[in-house]
Amino acid sequence: MISRGTGPQRDLYLVMLQTCNQDNRQRDDRPAALQLAVAEVMTLSLALWERLTGKGKVSLAGNSGLWNVHINPDGWERTQTLDRYLKAETVPKHPNVSRVEKTAWWVLSHGTDSSHTGPCDRLQTAVSRLMALV
């Protein structure tokens, strides 16, 4: 361990401490960026799915087979896990990026109509940004 001494030793200690703090800040920013990217991909996926099919998130979850759909005793269908991935604040600290990517590609596989090229391009770009973070 480096002593906090004086002179050159102290300067070296301060530089190392500053470097460690910068590295920690960069590491702390990475999960936030990942959570934002996950939420963006999921939000764009859901929006494109709704535009293509006219159906909502329960349909996306059930038809893709990638997300669980829970049915309450009163018949109300919930997509609890998928819901957490739609807002950056609620995305888990260790999101299932593979499931998010598969969801996006599954939705894109249904968007071959030329009238949806803009939303498809935006989703593909968001997936690329997400995968660059992992």
N, C-alpha and C. Protein backbone atom coordinates (compact mmCIF):
# COMPACT_ATOMS: atom_id res chain seq x y z
N MET A 1 0.84 -1.18 0.00
CA MET A 1 0.00 0.00 0.00
C MET A 1 0.88 1.24 0.00
N ILE A 2 0.46 2.27 -0.68
CA ILE A 2 1.22 3.51 -0.77
C ILE A 2 0.91 4.38 0.43
N SER A 3 1.97 4.88 1.01
CA SER A 3 1.81 5.77 2.16
C SER A 3 1.30 7.13 1.67
N ARG A 4 0.61 7.80 2.54
CA ARG A 4 0.11 9.13 2.21
C ARG A 4 1.17 10.19 2.48
N GLY A 5 2.37 9.87 2.74
CA GLY A 5 3.48 10.75 3.08
C GLY A 5 3.41 12.16 2.53
N THR A 6 4.56 12.73 2.32
CA THR A 6 4.64 14.09 1.81
C THR A 6 5.43 14.10 0.53
N GLY A 7 5.42 15.22 -0.14
CA GLY A 7 6.20 15.40 -1.36
C GLY A 7 5.74 14.50 -2.49
N PRO A 8 6.71 13.87 -3.21
CA PRO A 8 6.38 13.05 -4.38
C PRO A 8 5.45 11.88 -4.05
N GLN A 9 5.64 11.29 -2.86
CA GLN A 9 4.77 10.17 -2.48
C GLN A 9 3.31 10.63 -2.35
N ARG A 10 3.14 11.77 -1.74
CA ARG A 10 1.78 12.30 -1.57
C ARG A 10 1.17 12.63 -2.93
N ASP A 11 1.96 13.23 -3.81
CA ASP A 11 1.46 13.55 -5.15
C ASP A 11 1.03 12.30 -5.89
N LEU A 12 1.85 11.23 -5.80
CA LEU A 12 1.52 9.98 -6.45
C LEU A 12 0.23 9.40 -5.85
N TYR A 13 0.12 9.46 -4.54
CA TYR A 13 -1.07 8.97 -3.85
C TYR A 13 -2.32 9.71 -4.33
N LEU A 14 -2.23 11.03 -4.43
CA LEU A 14 -3.39 11.84 -4.86
C LEU A 14 -3.78 11.54 -6.30
N VAL A 15 -2.78 11.36 -7.17
CA VAL A 15 -3.06 11.03 -8.57
C VAL A 15 -3.76 9.67 -8.65
N MET A 16 -3.27 8.69 -7.90
CA MET A 16 -3.87 7.36 -7.92
C MET A 16 -5.29 7.39 -7.36
N LEU A 17 -5.49 8.16 -6.31
CA LEU A 17 -6.82 8.29 -5.71
C LEU A 17 -7.79 8.94 -6.70
N GLN A 18 -7.34 9.98 -7.38
CA GLN A 18 -8.18 10.66 -8.36
C GLN A 18 -8.53 9.72 -9.51
N THR A 19 -7.55 8.93 -9.98
CA THR A 19 -7.78 7.99 -11.06
C THR A 19 -8.80 6.93 -10.65
N CYS A 20 -8.67 6.42 -9.44
CA CYS A 20 -9.63 5.42 -8.94
C CYS A 20 -11.03 6.01 -8.87
N ASN A 21 -11.15 7.25 -8.40
CA ASN A 21 -12.46 7.88 -8.30
C ASN A 21 -13.09 8.07 -9.68
N GLN A 22 -12.28 8.45 -10.68
CA GLN A 22 -12.79 8.62 -12.04
C GLN A 22 -13.25 7.28 -12.61
N ASP A 23 -12.46 6.22 -12.37
CA ASP A 23 -12.84 4.88 -12.84
C ASP A 23 -14.16 4.45 -12.21
N ASN A 24 -14.31 4.70 -10.91
CA ASN A 24 -15.54 4.33 -10.22
C ASN A 24 -16.74 5.10 -10.77
N ARG A 25 -16.56 6.40 -11.07
CA ARG A 25 -17.65 7.19 -11.63
C ARG A 25 -18.06 6.65 -12.99
N GLN A 26 -17.06 6.27 -13.81
CA GLN A 26 -17.36 5.72 -15.13
C GLN A 26 -18.12 4.40 -14.99
N ARG A 27 -17.71 3.57 -14.03
CA ARG A 27 -18.41 2.31 -13.80
C ARG A 27 -19.83 2.56 -13.30
N ASP A 28 -20.00 3.58 -12.46
CA ASP A 28 -21.32 3.91 -11.95
C ASP A 28 -22.24 4.42 -13.06
N ASP A 29 -21.68 5.10 -14.06
CA ASP A 29 -22.48 5.62 -15.18
C ASP A 29 -22.92 4.51 -16.12
N ARG A 30 -22.14 3.45 -16.19
CA ARG A 30 -22.44 2.38 -17.15
C ARG A 30 -23.79 1.72 -16.87
N PRO A 31 -24.11 1.34 -15.61
CA PRO A 31 -25.43 0.75 -15.39
C PRO A 31 -26.57 1.70 -15.76
N ALA A 32 -26.41 2.98 -15.48
CA ALA A 32 -27.46 3.94 -15.82
C ALA A 32 -27.64 4.01 -17.33
N ALA A 33 -26.54 4.03 -18.06
CA ALA A 33 -26.62 4.07 -19.53
C ALA A 33 -27.24 2.78 -20.05
N LEU A 34 -26.90 1.66 -19.44
CA LEU A 34 -27.47 0.38 -19.86
C LEU A 34 -28.97 0.35 -19.59
N GLN A 35 -29.37 0.83 -18.43
CA GLN A 35 -30.79 0.86 -18.10
C GLN A 35 -31.57 1.77 -19.05
N LEU A 36 -30.99 2.90 -19.40
CA LEU A 36 -31.63 3.80 -20.37
C LEU A 36 -31.77 3.13 -21.73
N ALA A 37 -30.72 2.46 -22.16
CA ALA A 37 -30.73 1.80 -23.47
C ALA A 37 -31.75 0.65 -23.49
N VAL A 38 -31.82 -0.11 -22.40
CA VAL A 38 -32.79 -1.20 -22.30
C VAL A 38 -34.21 -0.65 -22.40
N ALA A 39 -34.49 0.39 -21.63
CA ALA A 39 -35.83 0.99 -21.64
C ALA A 39 -36.16 1.55 -23.03
N GLU A 40 -35.18 2.14 -23.69
CA GLU A 40 -35.42 2.69 -25.03
C GLU A 40 -35.78 1.58 -26.01
N VAL A 41 -35.01 0.48 -25.99
CA VAL A 41 -35.27 -0.63 -26.92
C VAL A 41 -36.65 -1.23 -26.65
N MET A 42 -36.98 -1.42 -25.39
CA MET A 42 -38.28 -2.02 -25.06
C MET A 42 -39.44 -1.09 -25.42
N THR A 43 -39.28 0.19 -25.16
CA THR A 43 -40.33 1.15 -25.49
C THR A 43 -40.55 1.23 -27.00
N LEU A 44 -39.45 1.28 -27.76
CA LEU A 44 -39.56 1.30 -29.22
C LEU A 44 -40.15 -0.01 -29.75
N SER A 45 -39.76 -1.12 -29.14
CA SER A 45 -40.30 -2.43 -29.55
C SER A 45 -41.80 -2.47 -29.35
N LEU A 46 -42.23 -2.04 -28.17
CA LEU A 46 -43.67 -2.05 -27.88
C LEU A 46 -44.42 -1.10 -28.81
N ALA A 47 -43.87 0.09 -29.04
CA ALA A 47 -44.53 1.06 -29.92
C ALA A 47 -44.66 0.51 -31.33
N LEU A 48 -43.61 -0.13 -31.83
CA LEU A 48 -43.67 -0.70 -33.17
C LEU A 48 -44.66 -1.86 -33.21
N TRP A 49 -44.67 -2.69 -32.18
CA TRP A 49 -45.62 -3.80 -32.12
C TRP A 49 -47.05 -3.29 -32.15
N GLU A 50 -47.33 -2.26 -31.36
CA GLU A 50 -48.68 -1.68 -31.33
C GLU A 50 -49.05 -1.10 -32.69
N ARG A 51 -48.09 -0.50 -33.35
CA ARG A 51 -48.33 0.09 -34.67
C ARG A 51 -48.59 -1.00 -35.72
N LEU A 52 -47.84 -2.10 -35.62
CA LEU A 52 -47.98 -3.18 -36.60
C LEU A 52 -49.26 -3.99 -36.42
N THR A 53 -49.62 -4.22 -35.15
CA THR A 53 -50.71 -5.16 -34.88
C THR A 53 -51.97 -4.52 -34.31
N GLY A 54 -51.81 -3.34 -33.73
CA GLY A 54 -52.94 -2.72 -33.05
C GLY A 54 -53.19 -3.34 -31.68
N LYS A 55 -52.27 -4.17 -31.23
CA LYS A 55 -52.41 -4.86 -29.95
C LYS A 55 -51.36 -4.33 -28.98
N GLY A 56 -51.52 -4.65 -27.70
CA GLY A 56 -50.67 -4.10 -26.66
C GLY A 56 -49.59 -5.04 -26.15
N LYS A 57 -49.10 -4.71 -24.97
CA LYS A 57 -47.97 -5.42 -24.39
C LYS A 57 -48.29 -6.85 -23.99
N VAL A 58 -49.54 -7.13 -23.62
CA VAL A 58 -49.92 -8.51 -23.29
C VAL A 58 -49.79 -9.38 -24.53
N SER A 59 -50.20 -8.85 -25.66
CA SER A 59 -50.08 -9.57 -26.93
C SER A 59 -48.61 -9.78 -27.29
N LEU A 60 -47.81 -8.76 -27.12
CA LEU A 60 -46.38 -8.87 -27.41
C LEU A 60 -45.75 -9.94 -26.54
N ALA A 61 -46.03 -9.90 -25.25
CA ALA A 61 -45.44 -10.87 -24.32
C ALA A 61 -45.90 -12.29 -24.66
N GLY A 62 -47.18 -12.46 -24.87
CA GLY A 62 -47.71 -13.79 -25.14
C GLY A 62 -47.29 -14.36 -26.48
N ASN A 63 -47.36 -13.55 -27.51
CA ASN A 63 -47.01 -14.04 -28.85
C ASN A 63 -45.53 -14.30 -29.03
N SER A 64 -44.69 -13.48 -28.41
CA SER A 64 -43.25 -13.68 -28.56
C SER A 64 -42.76 -14.86 -27.72
N GLY A 65 -43.46 -15.12 -26.62
CA GLY A 65 -43.03 -16.20 -25.73
C GLY A 65 -41.82 -15.84 -24.90
N LEU A 66 -41.42 -14.58 -24.94
CA LEU A 66 -40.22 -14.15 -24.23
C LEU A 66 -40.51 -13.58 -22.84
N TRP A 67 -41.75 -13.21 -22.61
CA TRP A 67 -42.14 -12.59 -21.34
C TRP A 67 -43.35 -13.33 -20.78
N ASN A 68 -43.41 -13.42 -19.46
CA ASN A 68 -44.54 -14.09 -18.82
C ASN A 68 -45.76 -13.18 -18.78
N VAL A 69 -46.90 -13.79 -18.97
CA VAL A 69 -48.17 -13.10 -18.80
C VAL A 69 -48.88 -13.77 -17.63
N HIS A 70 -49.14 -12.99 -16.59
CA HIS A 70 -49.82 -13.51 -15.41
C HIS A 70 -51.30 -13.14 -15.50
N ILE A 71 -52.15 -14.09 -15.16
CA ILE A 71 -53.59 -13.84 -15.20
C ILE A 71 -54.11 -13.84 -13.76
N ASN A 72 -54.64 -12.72 -13.35
CA ASN A 72 -55.21 -12.59 -12.02
C ASN A 72 -56.51 -13.40 -11.94
N PRO A 73 -56.96 -13.71 -10.71
CA PRO A 73 -58.23 -14.44 -10.56
C PRO A 73 -59.42 -13.74 -11.23
N ASP A 74 -59.35 -12.42 -11.34
CA ASP A 74 -60.46 -11.70 -11.98
C ASP A 74 -60.34 -11.67 -13.51
N GLY A 75 -59.30 -12.35 -14.05
CA GLY A 75 -59.13 -12.43 -15.50
C GLY A 75 -58.23 -11.36 -16.10
N TRP A 76 -57.78 -10.41 -15.27
CA TRP A 76 -56.92 -9.34 -15.77
C TRP A 76 -55.54 -9.88 -16.05
N GLU A 77 -55.01 -9.62 -17.24
CA GLU A 77 -53.68 -10.10 -17.64
C GLU A 77 -52.62 -9.06 -17.34
N ARG A 78 -51.52 -9.52 -16.71
CA ARG A 78 -50.43 -8.61 -16.34
C ARG A 78 -49.12 -9.06 -16.97
N THR A 79 -48.30 -8.09 -17.28
CA THR A 79 -46.95 -8.36 -17.80
C THR A 79 -45.96 -7.69 -16.86
N GLN A 80 -45.89 -8.19 -15.65
CA GLN A 80 -45.13 -7.52 -14.59
C GLN A 80 -43.66 -7.34 -14.93
N THR A 81 -43.00 -8.37 -15.43
CA THR A 81 -41.57 -8.26 -15.73
C THR A 81 -41.33 -7.34 -16.91
N LEU A 82 -42.11 -7.50 -17.97
CA LEU A 82 -41.97 -6.63 -19.13
C LEU A 82 -42.18 -5.17 -18.73
N ASP A 83 -43.14 -4.92 -17.86
CA ASP A 83 -43.42 -3.55 -17.41
C ASP A 83 -42.20 -2.90 -16.78
N ARG A 84 -41.43 -3.67 -16.04
CA ARG A 84 -40.23 -3.10 -15.39
C ARG A 84 -39.18 -2.65 -16.40
N TYR A 85 -39.21 -3.24 -17.58
CA TYR A 85 -38.22 -2.92 -18.60
C TYR A 85 -38.61 -1.73 -19.48
N LEU A 86 -39.75 -1.14 -19.22
CA LEU A 86 -40.23 -0.03 -20.05
C LEU A 86 -39.80 1.35 -19.55
N LYS A 87 -39.33 1.44 -18.31
CA LYS A 87 -38.87 2.71 -17.75
C LYS A 87 -37.47 2.52 -17.18
N ALA A 88 -36.58 3.43 -17.48
CA ALA A 88 -35.19 3.32 -17.02
C ALA A 88 -35.11 3.20 -15.49
N GLU A 89 -36.00 3.89 -14.79
CA GLU A 89 -35.97 3.89 -13.33
C GLU A 89 -36.31 2.52 -12.75
N THR A 90 -37.04 1.71 -13.49
CA THR A 90 -37.47 0.41 -12.96
C THR A 90 -36.76 -0.78 -13.60
N VAL A 91 -35.88 -0.52 -14.57
CA VAL A 91 -35.11 -1.61 -15.17
C VAL A 91 -34.20 -2.18 -14.09
N PRO A 92 -34.13 -3.51 -13.97
CA PRO A 92 -33.25 -4.12 -12.96
C PRO A 92 -31.79 -3.70 -13.15
N LYS A 93 -31.02 -3.75 -12.05
CA LYS A 93 -29.60 -3.38 -12.14
C LYS A 93 -28.84 -4.30 -13.10
N HIS A 94 -29.27 -5.54 -13.17
CA HIS A 94 -28.65 -6.51 -14.08
C HIS A 94 -29.75 -7.03 -15.03
N PRO A 95 -30.09 -6.21 -16.03
CA PRO A 95 -31.19 -6.59 -16.91
C PRO A 95 -30.84 -7.77 -17.80
N ASN A 96 -31.85 -8.48 -18.23
CA ASN A 96 -31.67 -9.58 -19.16
C ASN A 96 -31.60 -8.99 -20.57
N VAL A 97 -30.41 -8.57 -20.94
CA VAL A 97 -30.20 -7.88 -22.22
C VAL A 97 -30.51 -8.81 -23.39
N SER A 98 -30.22 -10.07 -23.22
CA SER A 98 -30.49 -11.03 -24.28
C SER A 98 -31.99 -11.09 -24.59
N ARG A 99 -32.82 -11.09 -23.56
CA ARG A 99 -34.28 -11.12 -23.76
C ARG A 99 -34.76 -9.84 -24.43
N VAL A 100 -34.17 -8.72 -24.05
CA VAL A 100 -34.54 -7.43 -24.65
C VAL A 100 -34.17 -7.43 -26.13
N GLU A 101 -32.97 -7.89 -26.44
CA GLU A 101 -32.52 -7.95 -27.83
C GLU A 101 -33.43 -8.89 -28.65
N LYS A 102 -33.73 -10.06 -28.08
CA LYS A 102 -34.60 -11.02 -28.79
C LYS A 102 -35.99 -10.42 -29.03
N THR A 103 -36.49 -9.68 -28.06
CA THR A 103 -37.80 -9.04 -28.22
C THR A 103 -37.78 -8.07 -29.40
N ALA A 104 -36.72 -7.25 -29.45
CA ALA A 104 -36.61 -6.27 -30.54
C ALA A 104 -36.54 -6.97 -31.89
N TRP A 105 -35.72 -8.00 -32.00
CA TRP A 105 -35.59 -8.69 -33.29
C TRP A 105 -36.88 -9.44 -33.64
N TRP A 106 -37.59 -9.92 -32.64
CA TRP A 106 -38.85 -10.61 -32.89
C TRP A 106 -39.87 -9.61 -33.46
N VAL A 107 -39.94 -8.44 -32.86
CA VAL A 107 -40.86 -7.41 -33.36
C VAL A 107 -40.44 -6.98 -34.76
N LEU A 108 -39.15 -6.77 -34.96
CA LEU A 108 -38.67 -6.35 -36.28
C LEU A 108 -38.96 -7.40 -37.36
N SER A 109 -38.98 -8.66 -36.97
CA SER A 109 -39.28 -9.71 -37.95
C SER A 109 -40.73 -9.63 -38.44
N HIS A 110 -41.57 -8.91 -37.70
CA HIS A 110 -42.97 -8.74 -38.10
C HIS A 110 -43.21 -7.40 -38.79
N GLY A 111 -42.18 -6.57 -38.91
CA GLY A 111 -42.33 -5.24 -39.48
C GLY A 111 -41.72 -5.08 -40.84
N THR A 112 -42.10 -5.95 -41.77
CA THR A 112 -41.51 -5.92 -43.10
C THR A 112 -42.19 -4.93 -44.05
N ASP A 113 -43.30 -4.37 -43.64
CA ASP A 113 -44.04 -3.42 -44.47
C ASP A 113 -43.20 -2.14 -44.65
N SER A 114 -43.13 -1.63 -45.86
CA SER A 114 -42.30 -0.46 -46.15
C SER A 114 -42.81 0.80 -45.45
N SER A 115 -44.05 0.81 -45.03
CA SER A 115 -44.58 2.01 -44.35
C SER A 115 -44.05 2.13 -42.92
N HIS A 116 -43.34 1.12 -42.45
CA HIS A 116 -42.81 1.14 -41.08
C HIS A 116 -41.28 1.23 -41.06
N THR A 117 -40.67 1.68 -42.13
CA THR A 117 -39.21 1.71 -42.17
C THR A 117 -38.61 2.66 -41.14
N GLY A 118 -39.24 3.80 -40.89
CA GLY A 118 -38.72 4.75 -39.90
C GLY A 118 -38.66 4.16 -38.51
N PRO A 119 -39.78 3.64 -37.98
CA PRO A 119 -39.74 3.02 -36.66
C PRO A 119 -38.81 1.80 -36.60
N CYS A 120 -38.76 1.04 -37.68
CA CYS A 120 -37.87 -0.12 -37.70
C CYS A 120 -36.41 0.32 -37.63
N ASP A 121 -36.07 1.36 -38.37
CA ASP A 121 -34.70 1.88 -38.35
C ASP A 121 -34.33 2.41 -36.97
N ARG A 122 -35.27 3.11 -36.33
CA ARG A 122 -35.00 3.64 -34.99
C ARG A 122 -34.77 2.50 -34.00
N LEU A 123 -35.56 1.45 -34.11
CA LEU A 123 -35.40 0.31 -33.21
C LEU A 123 -34.07 -0.40 -33.47
N GLN A 124 -33.71 -0.60 -34.71
CA GLN A 124 -32.43 -1.24 -35.03
C GLN A 124 -31.26 -0.43 -34.49
N THR A 125 -31.34 0.89 -34.62
CA THR A 125 -30.28 1.76 -34.10
C THR A 125 -30.20 1.65 -32.58
N ALA A 126 -31.35 1.62 -31.92
CA ALA A 126 -31.37 1.50 -30.46
C ALA A 126 -30.79 0.16 -30.01
N VAL A 127 -31.08 -0.90 -30.74
CA VAL A 127 -30.51 -2.22 -30.41
C VAL A 127 -28.99 -2.19 -30.56
N SER A 128 -28.51 -1.54 -31.61
CA SER A 128 -27.05 -1.44 -31.82
C SER A 128 -26.39 -0.67 -30.66
N ARG A 129 -27.04 0.41 -30.23
CA ARG A 129 -26.49 1.18 -29.09
C ARG A 129 -26.49 0.34 -27.83
N LEU A 130 -27.55 -0.42 -27.61
CA LEU A 130 -27.63 -1.27 -26.44
C LEU A 130 -26.53 -2.31 -26.46
N MET A 131 -26.34 -2.97 -27.58
CA MET A 131 -25.35 -4.04 -27.66
C MET A 131 -23.93 -3.51 -27.55
N ALA A 132 -23.73 -2.25 -27.89
CA ALA A 132 -22.40 -1.65 -27.73
C ALA A 132 -22.06 -1.44 -26.26
N LEU A 133 -23.06 -1.42 -25.40
CA LEU A 133 -22.83 -1.22 -23.97
C LEU A 133 -22.52 -2.50 -23.22
N VAL A 134 -22.81 -3.64 -23.82
CA VAL A 134 -22.57 -4.91 -23.12
C VAL A 134 -21.33 -5.61 -23.62
